[in-house]
């Protein structure tokens, strides 16, 4: 079934799932680690997805700024997969991995992993691609100066 604009109607009986994941450990650099607290819950008592998304954006922004060697701003979030819930007391770790560097933009794959109480292995709960743009002190996009490739002998 389709909406009036031709897009699929998500209220239909079809279910959209994130692709299965076989990852057993985080990919990329650890950007931030924080504890999920009761104040971060939704009406069901689970950690609110918006809180987790903001933690991922913070971690990705830190990573993007290091790559760009300048301020960066978020311009797009795509391919978000909310795979498992996050609970109060979970230790949330955000890992960032470079996907691509453009003239002024950086795309980063970000993963959120949790370590639950009484568990010994982390679980991938959310991942997605975030795009950041390097900006100057006036807030205008600026070119990302990439390091010169290594000279081989």
N, C-alpha and C. Protein backbone atom coordinates (compact mmCIF):
# COMPACT_ATOMS: atom_id res chain seq x y z
N UNK A 1 0.84 -1.17 0.00
CA UNK A 1 0.00 0.00 0.00
C UNK A 1 0.89 1.24 0.00
N UNK A 2 0.45 2.33 -0.65
CA UNK A 2 1.23 3.55 -0.76
C UNK A 2 0.42 4.73 -0.26
N UNK A 3 1.11 5.72 0.29
CA UNK A 3 0.49 6.98 0.68
C UNK A 3 0.17 7.78 -0.57
N UNK A 4 -0.47 8.91 -0.39
CA UNK A 4 -0.83 9.78 -1.51
C UNK A 4 0.38 10.29 -2.28
N UNK A 5 1.56 10.30 -1.65
CA UNK A 5 2.76 10.81 -2.33
C UNK A 5 3.54 9.71 -3.04
N UNK A 6 3.02 8.49 -3.03
CA UNK A 6 3.69 7.40 -3.72
C UNK A 6 4.67 6.63 -2.86
N UNK A 7 4.86 7.07 -1.63
CA UNK A 7 5.79 6.38 -0.73
C UNK A 7 5.08 5.20 -0.07
N UNK A 8 5.82 4.17 0.28
CA UNK A 8 5.19 3.03 0.96
C UNK A 8 4.53 3.47 2.26
N UNK A 9 3.37 2.89 2.54
CA UNK A 9 2.65 3.17 3.77
C UNK A 9 3.21 2.28 4.86
N UNK A 10 3.88 2.87 5.86
CA UNK A 10 4.54 2.09 6.90
C UNK A 10 3.56 1.53 7.92
N UNK A 11 2.27 1.87 7.80
CA UNK A 11 1.28 1.29 8.71
C UNK A 11 0.78 -0.04 8.18
N UNK A 12 1.21 -0.42 6.98
CA UNK A 12 0.84 -1.69 6.39
C UNK A 12 1.43 -2.82 7.24
N UNK A 13 1.09 -4.05 6.92
CA UNK A 13 1.55 -5.17 7.73
C UNK A 13 3.00 -5.55 7.48
N UNK A 14 3.63 -5.01 6.44
CA UNK A 14 5.03 -5.34 6.21
C UNK A 14 5.89 -4.75 7.33
N UNK A 15 6.92 -5.48 7.71
CA UNK A 15 7.81 -5.05 8.77
C UNK A 15 9.17 -4.73 8.18
N UNK A 16 9.75 -3.63 8.64
CA UNK A 16 11.08 -3.24 8.18
C UNK A 16 12.06 -3.60 9.29
N UNK A 17 13.10 -4.35 8.94
CA UNK A 17 14.10 -4.77 9.91
C UNK A 17 15.47 -4.30 9.47
N UNK A 18 16.31 -4.05 10.44
CA UNK A 18 17.71 -3.75 10.14
C UNK A 18 18.35 -5.03 9.63
N UNK A 19 19.34 -4.91 8.75
CA UNK A 19 20.02 -6.12 8.28
C UNK A 19 20.66 -6.86 9.45
N UNK A 20 20.71 -8.19 9.36
CA UNK A 20 21.33 -8.93 10.46
C UNK A 20 22.79 -8.51 10.61
N UNK A 21 23.27 -8.65 11.82
CA UNK A 21 24.64 -8.24 12.09
C UNK A 21 25.39 -9.39 12.73
N UNK A 22 26.61 -9.61 12.27
CA UNK A 22 27.44 -10.69 12.81
C UNK A 22 28.61 -10.12 13.59
N UNK A 23 28.60 -8.81 13.83
CA UNK A 23 29.71 -8.17 14.53
C UNK A 23 29.71 -8.57 16.00
N UNK A 24 30.89 -8.89 16.49
CA UNK A 24 31.00 -9.27 17.89
C UNK A 24 31.79 -8.26 18.70
N UNK A 25 32.40 -7.31 18.00
CA UNK A 25 33.10 -6.24 18.71
C UNK A 25 33.03 -4.96 17.89
N UNK A 26 33.15 -3.83 18.56
CA UNK A 26 33.00 -2.54 17.88
C UNK A 26 34.05 -2.30 16.81
N UNK A 27 33.63 -1.58 15.77
CA UNK A 27 34.53 -1.12 14.71
C UNK A 27 34.79 0.35 14.91
N UNK A 28 36.02 0.79 14.71
CA UNK A 28 36.34 2.21 14.78
C UNK A 28 36.88 2.64 16.12
N UNK A 29 37.08 3.95 16.22
CA UNK A 29 37.65 4.56 17.43
C UNK A 29 36.58 4.81 18.47
N UNK A 30 36.89 4.55 19.72
CA UNK A 30 35.99 4.90 20.81
C UNK A 30 35.97 6.42 20.93
N UNK A 31 34.79 7.02 20.79
CA UNK A 31 34.66 8.48 20.87
C UNK A 31 34.16 8.93 22.23
N UNK A 32 33.13 8.28 22.73
CA UNK A 32 32.61 8.62 24.05
C UNK A 32 32.07 7.37 24.73
N UNK A 33 31.99 7.44 26.05
CA UNK A 33 31.38 6.37 26.85
C UNK A 33 30.58 7.05 27.95
N UNK A 34 29.35 6.59 28.16
CA UNK A 34 28.49 7.19 29.17
C UNK A 34 27.55 6.14 29.74
N UNK A 35 26.91 6.47 30.83
CA UNK A 35 25.99 5.55 31.50
C UNK A 35 24.56 5.99 31.24
N UNK A 36 23.71 5.05 30.83
CA UNK A 36 22.29 5.35 30.60
C UNK A 36 21.60 5.48 31.96
N UNK A 37 20.96 6.63 32.18
CA UNK A 37 20.37 6.95 33.48
C UNK A 37 18.84 7.00 33.40
N UNK A 38 18.16 6.90 34.55
CA UNK A 38 16.69 6.93 34.57
C UNK A 38 16.09 8.18 33.91
N UNK A 39 16.76 9.31 33.99
CA UNK A 39 16.23 10.54 33.39
C UNK A 39 16.20 10.46 31.86
N UNK A 40 16.85 9.47 31.26
CA UNK A 40 16.95 9.34 29.81
C UNK A 40 15.92 8.36 29.23
N UNK A 41 14.92 7.96 30.02
CA UNK A 41 13.97 6.94 29.57
C UNK A 41 12.76 7.54 28.87
N UNK A 42 12.12 6.67 28.06
CA UNK A 42 10.87 7.03 27.41
C UNK A 42 9.71 6.55 28.29
N UNK A 43 8.49 6.64 27.79
CA UNK A 43 7.31 6.26 28.57
C UNK A 43 7.26 4.77 28.90
N UNK A 44 8.01 3.96 28.16
CA UNK A 44 8.04 2.52 28.42
C UNK A 44 9.13 2.11 29.40
N UNK A 45 9.95 3.07 29.82
CA UNK A 45 11.02 2.77 30.76
C UNK A 45 12.33 2.38 30.10
N UNK A 46 12.34 2.33 28.76
CA UNK A 46 13.60 2.07 28.03
C UNK A 46 14.27 3.42 27.75
N UNK A 47 15.54 3.37 27.42
CA UNK A 47 16.24 4.60 27.08
C UNK A 47 15.67 5.16 25.78
N UNK A 48 15.37 6.44 25.80
CA UNK A 48 14.77 7.15 24.67
C UNK A 48 15.73 7.15 23.48
N UNK A 49 15.20 6.80 22.30
CA UNK A 49 16.01 6.74 21.09
C UNK A 49 16.68 8.06 20.76
N UNK A 50 16.01 9.17 21.05
CA UNK A 50 16.58 10.49 20.79
C UNK A 50 17.80 10.76 21.64
N UNK A 51 17.81 10.25 22.88
CA UNK A 51 18.98 10.40 23.74
C UNK A 51 20.17 9.64 23.14
N UNK A 52 19.90 8.40 22.69
CA UNK A 52 20.96 7.60 22.11
C UNK A 52 21.48 8.24 20.83
N UNK A 53 20.57 8.75 20.00
CA UNK A 53 20.96 9.43 18.77
C UNK A 53 21.86 10.63 19.08
N UNK A 54 21.53 11.38 20.13
CA UNK A 54 22.36 12.55 20.48
C UNK A 54 23.74 12.12 20.96
N UNK A 55 23.84 11.02 21.67
CA UNK A 55 25.15 10.52 22.10
C UNK A 55 25.99 10.12 20.89
N UNK A 56 25.33 9.47 19.92
CA UNK A 56 26.04 9.07 18.70
C UNK A 56 26.50 10.30 17.92
N UNK A 57 25.66 11.33 17.87
CA UNK A 57 26.03 12.56 17.16
C UNK A 57 27.20 13.26 17.85
N UNK A 58 27.20 13.26 19.17
CA UNK A 58 28.33 13.84 19.90
C UNK A 58 29.63 13.10 19.58
N UNK A 59 29.58 11.78 19.65
CA UNK A 59 30.77 10.98 19.36
C UNK A 59 31.24 11.15 17.93
N UNK A 60 30.30 11.17 17.00
CA UNK A 60 30.65 11.37 15.59
C UNK A 60 31.22 12.74 15.34
N UNK A 61 30.68 13.76 16.01
CA UNK A 61 31.18 15.12 15.86
C UNK A 61 32.60 15.27 16.38
N UNK A 62 32.90 14.60 17.47
CA UNK A 62 34.27 14.61 18.00
C UNK A 62 35.22 13.99 16.99
N UNK A 63 34.82 12.85 16.45
CA UNK A 63 35.65 12.16 15.47
C UNK A 63 35.83 13.00 14.21
N UNK A 64 34.74 13.57 13.69
CA UNK A 64 34.79 14.38 12.46
C UNK A 64 35.67 15.61 12.65
N UNK A 65 35.59 16.24 13.82
CA UNK A 65 36.43 17.43 14.08
C UNK A 65 37.91 17.07 14.09
N UNK A 66 38.23 15.88 14.60
CA UNK A 66 39.63 15.44 14.59
C UNK A 66 40.12 15.24 13.16
N UNK A 67 39.28 14.65 12.33
CA UNK A 67 39.66 14.40 10.93
C UNK A 67 39.80 15.72 10.18
N UNK A 68 38.82 16.63 10.36
CA UNK A 68 38.80 17.89 9.63
C UNK A 68 39.78 18.91 10.20
N UNK A 69 40.19 18.70 11.44
CA UNK A 69 41.05 19.67 12.14
C UNK A 69 40.38 21.04 12.19
N UNK A 70 39.05 21.01 12.39
CA UNK A 70 38.26 22.24 12.48
C UNK A 70 36.92 21.91 13.12
N UNK A 71 36.11 22.95 13.30
CA UNK A 71 34.73 22.74 13.76
C UNK A 71 33.96 21.99 12.68
N UNK A 72 32.99 21.21 13.10
CA UNK A 72 32.12 20.52 12.15
C UNK A 72 30.68 20.64 12.63
N UNK A 73 29.75 20.53 11.69
CA UNK A 73 28.33 20.52 12.03
C UNK A 73 27.68 19.32 11.34
N UNK A 74 26.66 18.78 11.97
CA UNK A 74 25.93 17.65 11.41
C UNK A 74 25.01 18.16 10.31
N UNK A 75 25.06 17.52 9.14
CA UNK A 75 24.17 17.91 8.05
C UNK A 75 23.23 16.79 7.61
N UNK A 76 23.55 15.54 7.96
CA UNK A 76 22.67 14.44 7.58
C UNK A 76 22.91 13.23 8.48
N UNK A 77 21.83 12.52 8.70
CA UNK A 77 21.89 11.23 9.40
C UNK A 77 21.10 10.27 8.54
N UNK A 78 21.74 9.16 8.18
CA UNK A 78 21.05 8.21 7.32
C UNK A 78 21.35 6.78 7.75
N UNK A 79 20.51 5.90 7.30
CA UNK A 79 20.71 4.47 7.52
C UNK A 79 20.79 4.11 9.00
N UNK A 80 19.98 4.75 9.83
CA UNK A 80 19.97 4.43 11.26
C UNK A 80 19.28 3.08 11.48
N UNK A 81 19.93 2.23 12.24
CA UNK A 81 19.37 0.93 12.60
C UNK A 81 19.30 0.84 14.12
N UNK A 82 18.09 0.89 14.65
CA UNK A 82 17.90 0.68 16.09
C UNK A 82 17.66 -0.81 16.25
N UNK A 83 18.72 -1.53 16.65
CA UNK A 83 18.70 -2.98 16.66
C UNK A 83 18.16 -3.59 17.96
N UNK A 84 18.55 -3.01 19.07
CA UNK A 84 18.15 -3.54 20.38
C UNK A 84 17.92 -2.37 21.32
N UNK A 85 17.09 -2.56 22.34
CA UNK A 85 16.86 -1.47 23.29
C UNK A 85 18.07 -1.24 24.20
N UNK A 86 18.12 -0.05 24.74
CA UNK A 86 19.12 0.30 25.75
C UNK A 86 18.36 0.46 27.06
N UNK A 87 18.91 -0.06 28.13
CA UNK A 87 18.25 -0.04 29.43
C UNK A 87 19.00 0.85 30.41
N UNK A 88 18.30 1.30 31.42
CA UNK A 88 18.92 2.06 32.50
C UNK A 88 20.04 1.22 33.09
N UNK A 89 21.19 1.83 33.28
CA UNK A 89 22.34 1.13 33.84
C UNK A 89 23.28 0.57 32.80
N UNK A 90 22.88 0.56 31.52
CA UNK A 90 23.78 0.09 30.47
C UNK A 90 24.92 1.09 30.29
N UNK A 91 26.12 0.58 30.10
CA UNK A 91 27.27 1.42 29.77
C UNK A 91 27.31 1.54 28.26
N UNK A 92 27.10 2.75 27.74
CA UNK A 92 27.00 2.99 26.30
C UNK A 92 28.33 3.50 25.78
N UNK A 93 28.85 2.83 24.76
CA UNK A 93 30.10 3.24 24.11
C UNK A 93 29.80 3.56 22.65
N UNK A 94 30.28 4.72 22.19
CA UNK A 94 30.06 5.15 20.82
C UNK A 94 31.39 5.07 20.07
N UNK A 95 31.38 4.33 18.97
CA UNK A 95 32.57 4.12 18.15
C UNK A 95 32.35 4.73 16.77
N UNK A 96 33.37 5.37 16.23
CA UNK A 96 33.27 6.05 14.93
C UNK A 96 34.32 5.52 13.97
N UNK A 97 33.91 5.35 12.73
CA UNK A 97 34.78 4.83 11.69
C UNK A 97 34.59 5.67 10.43
N UNK A 98 35.68 6.15 9.85
CA UNK A 98 35.62 7.00 8.67
C UNK A 98 35.10 6.22 7.46
N UNK A 99 34.09 6.79 6.80
CA UNK A 99 33.56 6.20 5.58
C UNK A 99 34.13 6.92 4.37
N UNK A 100 34.07 8.27 4.40
CA UNK A 100 34.51 9.03 3.24
C UNK A 100 34.79 10.47 3.63
N UNK A 101 35.78 11.06 2.97
CA UNK A 101 36.08 12.48 3.13
C UNK A 101 35.87 13.13 1.77
N UNK A 102 35.01 14.15 1.74
CA UNK A 102 34.79 14.92 0.52
C UNK A 102 35.55 16.23 0.60
N UNK A 103 35.17 17.18 -0.25
CA UNK A 103 35.86 18.47 -0.25
C UNK A 103 35.61 19.23 1.05
N UNK A 104 34.35 19.26 1.52
CA UNK A 104 34.02 19.95 2.78
C UNK A 104 33.31 19.03 3.78
N UNK A 105 32.99 17.82 3.37
CA UNK A 105 32.19 16.93 4.24
C UNK A 105 32.92 15.65 4.60
N UNK A 106 32.45 15.07 5.68
CA UNK A 106 33.00 13.82 6.20
C UNK A 106 31.82 12.92 6.53
N UNK A 107 31.83 11.69 6.03
CA UNK A 107 30.81 10.71 6.39
C UNK A 107 31.44 9.72 7.35
N UNK A 108 30.74 9.49 8.46
CA UNK A 108 31.25 8.65 9.54
C UNK A 108 30.22 7.57 9.85
N UNK A 109 30.66 6.32 9.93
CA UNK A 109 29.77 5.24 10.40
C UNK A 109 29.92 5.18 11.91
N UNK A 110 28.80 5.27 12.60
CA UNK A 110 28.83 5.32 14.06
C UNK A 110 28.07 4.12 14.62
N UNK A 111 28.67 3.47 15.59
CA UNK A 111 28.06 2.34 16.26
C UNK A 111 27.92 2.65 17.75
N UNK A 112 26.77 2.28 18.30
CA UNK A 112 26.56 2.37 19.75
C UNK A 112 26.49 0.94 20.29
N UNK A 113 27.35 0.67 21.25
CA UNK A 113 27.42 -0.65 21.89
C UNK A 113 27.11 -0.47 23.36
N UNK A 114 26.49 -1.48 23.97
CA UNK A 114 26.24 -1.42 25.40
C UNK A 114 26.85 -2.62 26.10
N UNK A 115 27.26 -2.36 27.32
CA UNK A 115 27.66 -3.43 28.23
C UNK A 115 26.61 -3.43 29.33
N UNK A 116 25.84 -4.49 29.38
CA UNK A 116 24.77 -4.60 30.37
C UNK A 116 25.33 -5.12 31.69
N UNK A 117 24.60 -4.82 32.76
CA UNK A 117 25.02 -5.32 34.08
C UNK A 117 25.12 -6.84 34.04
N UNK A 118 26.09 -7.35 34.72
CA UNK A 118 26.33 -8.79 34.84
C UNK A 118 26.63 -9.47 33.51
N UNK A 119 26.98 -8.70 32.47
CA UNK A 119 27.37 -9.26 31.18
C UNK A 119 28.87 -9.03 30.98
N UNK A 120 29.48 -9.84 30.14
CA UNK A 120 30.91 -9.69 29.89
C UNK A 120 31.20 -9.25 28.46
N UNK A 121 30.20 -9.31 27.57
CA UNK A 121 30.40 -8.93 26.18
C UNK A 121 29.47 -7.79 25.80
N UNK A 122 29.99 -6.87 25.02
CA UNK A 122 29.19 -5.74 24.54
C UNK A 122 28.23 -6.20 23.44
N UNK A 123 27.14 -5.44 23.30
CA UNK A 123 26.09 -5.73 22.32
C UNK A 123 25.91 -4.50 21.44
N UNK A 124 25.91 -4.69 20.12
CA UNK A 124 25.62 -3.61 19.19
C UNK A 124 24.13 -3.29 19.27
N UNK A 125 23.79 -2.04 19.63
CA UNK A 125 22.39 -1.66 19.75
C UNK A 125 21.91 -0.73 18.65
N UNK A 126 22.79 0.11 18.13
CA UNK A 126 22.40 1.08 17.11
C UNK A 126 23.59 1.42 16.25
N UNK A 127 23.35 1.63 14.94
CA UNK A 127 24.41 2.12 14.07
C UNK A 127 23.80 2.92 12.93
N UNK A 128 24.63 3.74 12.32
CA UNK A 128 24.17 4.56 11.21
C UNK A 128 25.29 5.42 10.67
N UNK A 129 24.99 6.10 9.57
CA UNK A 129 25.96 6.99 8.93
C UNK A 129 25.58 8.43 9.18
N UNK A 130 26.55 9.20 9.63
CA UNK A 130 26.35 10.62 9.92
C UNK A 130 27.29 11.40 9.00
N UNK A 131 26.78 12.50 8.45
CA UNK A 131 27.61 13.36 7.60
C UNK A 131 27.78 14.71 8.27
N UNK A 132 29.02 15.16 8.33
CA UNK A 132 29.38 16.43 8.96
C UNK A 132 30.05 17.31 7.91
N UNK A 133 29.91 18.62 8.07
CA UNK A 133 30.58 19.58 7.20
C UNK A 133 31.55 20.39 8.05
N UNK A 134 32.77 20.56 7.54
CA UNK A 134 33.77 21.39 8.21
C UNK A 134 33.39 22.84 8.02
N UNK A 135 33.48 23.64 9.09
CA UNK A 135 33.14 25.06 8.99
C UNK A 135 34.25 25.91 9.58
N UNK A 136 34.28 27.17 9.13
CA UNK A 136 35.26 28.12 9.67
C UNK A 136 34.65 28.85 10.87
N UNK A 137 35.37 29.82 11.40
CA UNK A 137 34.91 30.53 12.59
C UNK A 137 33.64 31.34 12.36
N UNK A 138 33.32 31.63 11.10
CA UNK A 138 32.10 32.37 10.77
C UNK A 138 30.93 31.43 10.43
N UNK A 139 31.19 30.14 10.51
CA UNK A 139 30.14 29.16 10.24
C UNK A 139 29.97 28.81 8.78
N UNK A 140 30.91 29.18 7.93
CA UNK A 140 30.84 28.87 6.50
C UNK A 140 31.59 27.57 6.22
N UNK A 141 31.09 26.77 5.27
CA UNK A 141 31.82 25.54 4.92
C UNK A 141 33.24 25.86 4.49
N UNK A 142 34.14 24.99 4.89
CA UNK A 142 35.53 25.17 4.48
C UNK A 142 36.10 23.85 4.01
N UNK A 143 37.08 23.96 3.13
CA UNK A 143 37.71 22.78 2.56
C UNK A 143 38.47 22.01 3.64
N UNK A 144 38.39 20.71 3.55
CA UNK A 144 39.13 19.83 4.48
C UNK A 144 40.49 19.57 3.87
N UNK A 145 41.51 19.96 4.59
CA UNK A 145 42.88 19.74 4.13
C UNK A 145 43.30 18.35 4.57
N UNK A 146 43.42 17.47 3.62
CA UNK A 146 43.82 16.11 3.93
C UNK A 146 45.33 15.99 3.96
N UNK A 147 45.81 15.16 4.84
CA UNK A 147 47.25 14.91 4.92
C UNK A 147 47.74 14.33 3.61
N UNK A 148 48.96 14.67 3.25
CA UNK A 148 49.56 14.14 2.03
C UNK A 148 49.75 12.64 2.18
N UNK A 149 49.52 11.88 1.09
CA UNK A 149 49.74 10.44 1.18
C UNK A 149 51.21 10.12 1.45
N UNK A 150 51.48 9.03 2.15
CA UNK A 150 52.88 8.68 2.43
C UNK A 150 53.65 8.41 1.14
N UNK A 151 54.91 8.82 1.14
CA UNK A 151 55.77 8.59 -0.02
C UNK A 151 56.39 7.22 0.13
N UNK A 152 56.17 6.37 -0.88
CA UNK A 152 56.74 5.03 -0.79
C UNK A 152 58.13 5.01 -1.44
N UNK A 153 58.98 4.19 -0.90
CA UNK A 153 60.36 4.12 -1.39
C UNK A 153 60.50 3.14 -2.49
